[in-house]
Amino acid sequence: MSMKKWLLGVLAAAAVIGTVSGCGSSPSASSAAPSAKSEITVGVTPGPYEQIMEAVTKEAAKEGLTVHVKTFSDYVTPDQALANGDIDLNAYQHEPFLDNFNEKNGTRLVSIGKTILSPLGVYSRKYKTAEQIPDGATIAIPNDPTNGGRALQLLASKGWIQLKSGLGSKATVADITSNPKQIKIIELEAAQLPRSLDDTDASVINGNYALNAGLNSQKDALFAENKDSPYVNIIASRPEDKDNPAYQKFVKAWQSDSVKKFIDDTFKGAFIAAW
């Protein structure tokens, strides 16, 4: 075989190998972005959030997004599950609570959208008005850091106690500087507060747990946070996922007119659309 023919054969073989090895790895295939999610899992707490999520999932389905709901019985594990990647988003907490979780756990979870205001209220089975609450009354508040401070701020707004200034939701019982009514404050898990009403003079109860117990802050509370409260609830994600198209689609579904109408019609002011 002549040298010329041998070289032509080598070049032809190389061309065939190059064609085969290039199959399936064209620039467009190798650089293509992964397909957008069509299903996500969202963590919530029981009761009202589960109800709202029924309306949200229907709205999301219109945009081709399937939403699975995972319910947690407390306020800590939904953030743990989100940080660990066990769920895609959660929707149950306000931003000060999320900030506190991040600070204590070294996480960087972020808010990607506002949802509702769930007013904190002071409830009693023994008394009909705030003015009837006696000196020396026993009052239960949430034992988690931000909602505990939030409850103390609410009691302070009534003049029942005074707190160190500038602490906001970080206030603790140790930050009470004056207690003219000599209130005895006990701290309980938020989910236990409705049950405590039989054993306390009053209890400061989160909106979702109040509704689970058949209580409405606008009708049944001795007094409650107003619409100017900074404790608006949010949708949380991992920081690297905040711009995920599927998650943004979920936010859009939550903040739709149909979901707002559902909230207004269902909760009669106990939950307030806050976007």
Protein backbone atom coordinates (compact mmCIF):
# COMPACT_ATOMS: atom_id res chain seq x y z
CA MET A 1 0.00 0.00 0.00
CA SER A 2 1.32 3.40 -0.95
CA MET A 3 2.01 6.00 1.74
CA LYS A 4 -0.65 8.25 0.20
CA LYS A 5 -3.37 5.59 0.45
CA TRP A 6 -2.34 4.75 4.02
CA LEU A 7 -2.67 8.39 5.09
CA LEU A 8 -6.07 8.70 3.43
CA GLY A 9 -7.27 5.65 5.35
CA VAL A 10 -6.09 7.02 8.69
CA LEU A 11 -7.83 10.36 8.06
CA ALA A 12 -11.08 8.64 7.07
CA ALA A 13 -11.02 6.52 10.21
CA ALA A 14 -10.40 9.57 12.37
CA ALA A 15 -13.37 11.34 10.77
CA VAL A 16 -15.65 8.40 11.56
CA ILE A 17 -14.45 8.21 15.16
CA GLY A 18 -14.93 11.95 15.58
CA THR A 19 -18.49 11.72 14.25
CA VAL A 20 -19.39 8.85 16.58
CA SER A 21 -17.82 10.40 19.65
CA GLY A 22 -19.65 13.65 18.94
CA CYS A 23 -23.09 12.03 18.99
CA GLY A 24 -25.17 13.18 21.98
CA SER A 25 -22.57 15.74 23.04
CA SER A 26 -23.23 18.64 20.73
CA PRO A 27 -22.85 22.08 22.29
CA SER A 28 -26.62 22.48 22.47
CA ALA A 29 -27.05 19.16 24.30
CA SER A 30 -24.21 19.58 26.77
CA SER A 31 -25.07 23.16 27.70
CA ALA A 32 -28.83 22.76 27.85
CA ALA A 33 -30.36 23.78 31.19
CA PRO A 34 -32.20 21.11 33.18
CA SER A 35 -35.91 21.00 32.55
CA ALA A 36 -37.99 23.14 34.90
CA LYS A 37 -39.68 21.39 37.80
CA SER A 38 -43.30 20.51 37.29
CA GLU A 39 -43.81 19.21 40.87
CA ILE A 40 -42.78 20.70 44.20
CA THR A 41 -43.33 19.89 47.89
CA VAL A 42 -44.26 22.67 50.31
CA GLY A 43 -44.18 22.39 54.10
CA VAL A 44 -46.95 23.95 56.21
CA THR A 45 -48.39 23.75 59.73
CA PRO A 46 -51.82 22.20 60.39
CA GLY A 47 -55.26 23.68 59.86
CA PRO A 48 -55.61 27.07 58.13
CA TYR A 49 -52.45 26.74 56.07
CA GLU A 50 -53.64 23.37 54.81
CA GLN A 51 -56.93 25.01 53.82
CA ILE A 52 -55.23 27.87 52.01
CA MET A 53 -52.92 25.43 50.24
CA GLU A 54 -55.95 23.73 48.70
CA ALA A 55 -56.74 26.99 46.92
CA VAL A 56 -53.09 27.61 46.06
CA THR A 57 -52.57 24.15 44.57
CA LYS A 58 -55.60 24.62 42.33
CA GLU A 59 -54.25 27.96 41.11
CA ALA A 60 -50.76 26.50 40.56
CA ALA A 61 -52.23 23.60 38.57
CA LYS A 62 -53.56 26.11 36.04
CA GLU A 63 -49.93 26.97 35.29
CA GLY A 64 -48.87 23.33 35.02
CA LEU A 65 -47.33 23.12 38.51
CA THR A 66 -48.25 20.22 40.81
CA VAL A 67 -47.89 21.12 44.49
CA HIS A 68 -47.59 18.44 47.17
CA VAL A 69 -48.27 19.54 50.75
CA LYS A 70 -46.35 18.20 53.74
CA THR A 71 -47.76 19.09 57.15
CA PHE A 72 -45.57 19.56 60.23
CA SER A 73 -46.93 19.70 63.78
CA ASP A 74 -44.47 22.30 65.11
CA TYR A 75 -42.66 25.49 64.07
CA VAL A 76 -39.06 24.21 63.89
CA THR A 77 -39.05 21.09 61.73
CA PRO A 78 -40.40 22.79 58.56
CA ASP A 79 -37.26 24.96 58.44
CA GLN A 80 -35.04 21.99 59.25
CA ALA A 81 -36.65 20.02 56.43
CA LEU A 82 -36.17 22.92 54.02
CA ALA A 83 -32.52 23.40 54.97
CA ASN A 84 -31.91 19.65 54.57
CA GLY A 85 -33.54 19.57 51.13
CA ASP A 86 -36.41 17.32 52.22
CA ILE A 87 -38.95 19.85 50.92
CA ASP A 88 -38.73 22.58 48.29
CA LEU A 89 -40.42 25.47 50.11
CA ASN A 90 -42.30 26.18 53.30
CA ALA A 91 -45.08 28.64 54.10
CA TYR A 92 -45.98 29.10 57.75
CA GLN A 93 -43.73 31.66 59.48
CA HIS A 94 -42.92 35.34 59.59
CA GLU A 95 -39.50 36.74 58.69
CA PRO A 96 -38.27 37.47 62.25
CA PHE A 97 -38.85 33.78 63.07
CA LEU A 98 -36.90 32.75 59.96
CA ASP A 99 -34.07 35.15 60.81
CA ASN A 100 -33.85 33.66 64.29
CA PHE A 101 -33.75 30.12 62.89
CA ASN A 102 -30.94 31.07 60.51
CA GLU A 103 -28.97 32.72 63.29
CA LYS A 104 -29.24 29.73 65.61
CA ASN A 105 -28.62 27.05 62.98
CA GLY A 106 -26.10 28.64 60.64
CA THR A 107 -28.53 28.41 57.71
CA ARG A 108 -29.33 31.01 55.05
CA LEU A 109 -32.98 30.37 54.22
CA VAL A 110 -34.61 33.34 52.51
CA SER A 111 -38.05 34.82 51.92
CA ILE A 112 -39.29 34.78 48.33
CA GLY A 113 -42.78 36.19 48.85
CA LYS A 114 -45.31 37.47 51.38
CA THR A 115 -48.46 35.52 52.24
CA ILE A 116 -50.69 36.50 55.15
CA LEU A 117 -50.79 38.27 58.46
CA SER A 118 -51.96 35.93 61.19
CA PRO A 119 -52.71 38.29 64.12
CA LEU A 120 -51.57 37.21 67.56
CA GLY A 121 -54.42 37.51 70.04
CA VAL A 122 -55.03 37.39 73.79
CA TYR A 123 -57.84 34.95 74.62
CA SER A 124 -59.61 33.98 77.83
CA ARG A 125 -62.32 31.55 78.86
CA LYS A 126 -62.75 33.23 82.24
CA TYR A 127 -63.07 36.89 81.23
CA LYS A 128 -64.96 38.72 78.52
CA THR A 129 -62.86 41.91 78.28
CA ALA A 130 -59.25 42.92 78.83
CA GLU A 131 -60.34 45.23 81.62
CA GLN A 132 -61.60 42.24 83.62
CA ILE A 133 -58.18 40.57 83.73
CA PRO A 134 -57.18 40.83 87.42
CA ASP A 135 -53.87 41.79 88.98
CA GLY A 136 -51.76 38.70 89.52
CA ALA A 137 -53.31 36.94 86.51
CA THR A 138 -51.56 33.96 84.96
CA ILE A 139 -50.98 34.46 81.25
CA ALA A 140 -49.43 31.91 78.86
CA ILE A 141 -47.30 32.96 75.88
CA PRO A 142 -45.48 31.03 73.11
CA ASN A 143 -42.08 29.68 74.16
CA ASP A 144 -40.34 30.07 70.79
CA PRO A 145 -38.01 33.09 70.68
CA THR A 146 -39.70 35.43 68.20
CA ASN A 147 -43.33 34.67 69.00
CA GLY A 148 -42.57 34.89 72.70
CA GLY A 149 -41.13 38.36 72.18
CA ARG A 150 -44.03 39.23 69.93
CA ALA A 151 -46.47 38.19 72.68
CA LEU A 152 -44.65 40.30 75.25
CA GLN A 153 -44.85 43.29 72.93
CA LEU A 154 -48.60 42.75 72.65
CA LEU A 155 -48.99 42.67 76.45
CA ALA A 156 -46.83 45.79 76.70
CA SER A 157 -49.07 47.57 74.18
CA LYS A 158 -51.87 47.24 76.72
CA GLY A 159 -49.69 48.66 79.52
CA TRP A 160 -49.71 45.41 81.46
CA ILE A 161 -45.90 45.20 81.38
CA GLN A 162 -42.99 47.34 80.25
CA LEU A 163 -39.98 46.05 78.32
CA LYS A 164 -36.45 47.20 77.59
CA SER A 165 -36.64 49.40 74.51
CA GLY A 166 -35.47 48.41 71.06
CA LEU A 167 -35.71 44.64 71.43
CA GLY A 168 -38.81 43.98 69.33
CA SER A 169 -39.45 40.26 68.91
CA LYS A 170 -36.15 39.45 70.67
CA ALA A 171 -37.60 40.48 74.02
CA THR A 172 -37.77 37.79 76.71
CA VAL A 173 -39.41 37.57 80.10
CA ALA A 174 -36.05 38.65 81.55
CA ASP A 175 -36.42 41.95 79.67
CA ILE A 176 -39.55 42.99 81.60
CA THR A 177 -38.65 46.20 83.43
CA SER A 178 -42.01 46.84 85.06
CA ASN A 179 -44.98 44.60 85.84
CA PRO A 180 -47.64 46.83 87.43
CA LYS A 181 -50.34 44.13 87.21
CA GLN A 182 -47.98 41.53 88.73
CA ILE A 183 -48.79 39.18 85.86
CA LYS A 184 -47.43 35.66 86.13
CA ILE A 185 -46.18 34.63 82.69
CA ILE A 186 -45.75 31.00 81.71
CA GLU A 187 -44.15 29.89 78.43
CA LEU A 188 -45.60 26.97 76.47
CA GLU A 189 -45.22 25.45 73.01
CA ALA A 190 -47.44 27.39 70.62
CA ALA A 191 -49.53 24.32 69.78
CA GLN A 192 -50.39 23.84 73.48
CA LEU A 193 -51.67 27.36 74.07
CA PRO A 194 -55.34 26.77 73.17
CA ARG A 195 -55.45 23.88 75.67
CA SER A 196 -53.98 26.13 78.35
CA LEU A 197 -57.09 28.33 78.40
CA ASP A 198 -58.73 26.09 81.00
CA ASP A 199 -55.79 26.60 83.36
CA THR A 200 -54.85 30.25 82.78
CA ASP A 201 -56.55 33.60 83.09
CA ALA A 202 -55.58 34.34 79.49
CA SER A 203 -53.27 32.99 76.78
CA VAL A 204 -51.55 34.71 73.86
CA ILE A 205 -52.21 32.42 70.89
CA ASN A 206 -50.87 32.38 67.33
CA GLY A 207 -53.50 32.85 64.65
CA ASN A 208 -53.30 29.40 63.08
CA TYR A 209 -53.52 27.55 66.39
CA ALA A 210 -56.35 29.83 67.50
CA LEU A 211 -58.33 28.99 64.36
CA ASN A 212 -57.65 25.28 64.86
CA ALA A 213 -59.33 25.69 68.26
CA GLY A 214 -62.32 27.52 66.77
CA LEU A 215 -61.13 30.99 67.81
CA ASN A 216 -61.03 34.09 65.61
CA SER A 217 -58.84 37.04 66.62
CA GLN A 218 -61.37 39.50 65.20
CA LYS A 219 -64.28 38.12 67.23
CA ASP A 220 -63.00 36.13 70.20
CA ALA A 221 -59.78 37.79 71.36
CA LEU A 222 -59.73 40.25 74.24
CA PHE A 223 -57.36 42.21 71.99
CA ALA A 224 -55.07 41.39 69.08
CA GLU A 225 -52.39 42.74 66.77
CA ASN A 226 -53.66 45.21 64.20
CA LYS A 227 -53.08 45.30 60.46
CA ASP A 228 -49.90 47.34 60.90
CA SER A 229 -48.10 44.40 62.52
CA PRO A 230 -44.62 43.71 61.04
CA TYR A 231 -45.11 39.97 61.45
CA VAL A 232 -46.31 39.14 57.95
CA ASN A 233 -45.85 35.49 57.03
CA ILE A 234 -43.71 34.45 54.10
CA ILE A 235 -42.76 31.69 51.66
CA ALA A 236 -39.21 30.49 52.37
CA SER A 237 -36.66 28.75 50.16
CA ARG A 238 -33.00 27.84 50.14
CA PRO A 239 -30.92 30.80 48.89
CA GLU A 240 -29.67 29.05 45.78
CA ASP A 241 -33.25 28.29 44.73
CA LYS A 242 -34.85 31.69 45.23
CA ASP A 243 -35.13 32.37 41.49
CA ASN A 244 -36.25 28.86 40.52
CA PRO A 245 -39.03 29.34 37.93
CA ALA A 246 -41.24 26.69 39.56
CA TYR A 247 -40.94 28.37 42.95
CA GLN A 248 -41.71 31.78 41.48
CA LYS A 249 -44.73 30.23 39.81
CA PHE A 250 -45.84 29.01 43.25
CA VAL A 251 -45.48 32.53 44.70
CA LYS A 252 -47.57 33.90 41.84
CA ALA A 253 -50.26 31.29 42.51
CA TRP A 254 -50.35 32.16 46.22
CA GLN A 255 -50.60 35.88 45.52
CA SER A 256 -53.44 35.49 43.03
CA ASP A 257 -56.83 37.18 43.28
CA SER A 258 -58.59 33.83 43.69
CA VAL A 259 -56.48 32.90 46.73
CA LYS A 260 -57.04 36.33 48.28
CA LYS A 261 -60.78 35.89 47.86
CA PHE A 262 -60.57 32.44 49.45
CA ILE A 263 -58.70 33.88 52.46
CA ASP A 264 -61.15 36.77 52.87
CA ASP A 265 -64.24 34.56 52.51
CA THR A 266 -62.97 31.73 54.69
CA PHE A 267 -61.25 33.45 57.59
CA LYS A 268 -63.26 36.67 57.94
CA GLY A 269 -60.28 38.79 58.98
CA ALA A 270 -58.57 36.20 61.19
CA PHE A 271 -56.04 35.81 58.37
CA ILE A 272 -55.30 38.84 56.20
CA ALA A 273 -53.82 38.70 52.68
CA ALA A 274 -50.60 40.70 52.99
CA TRP A 275 -49.04 40.99 49.54
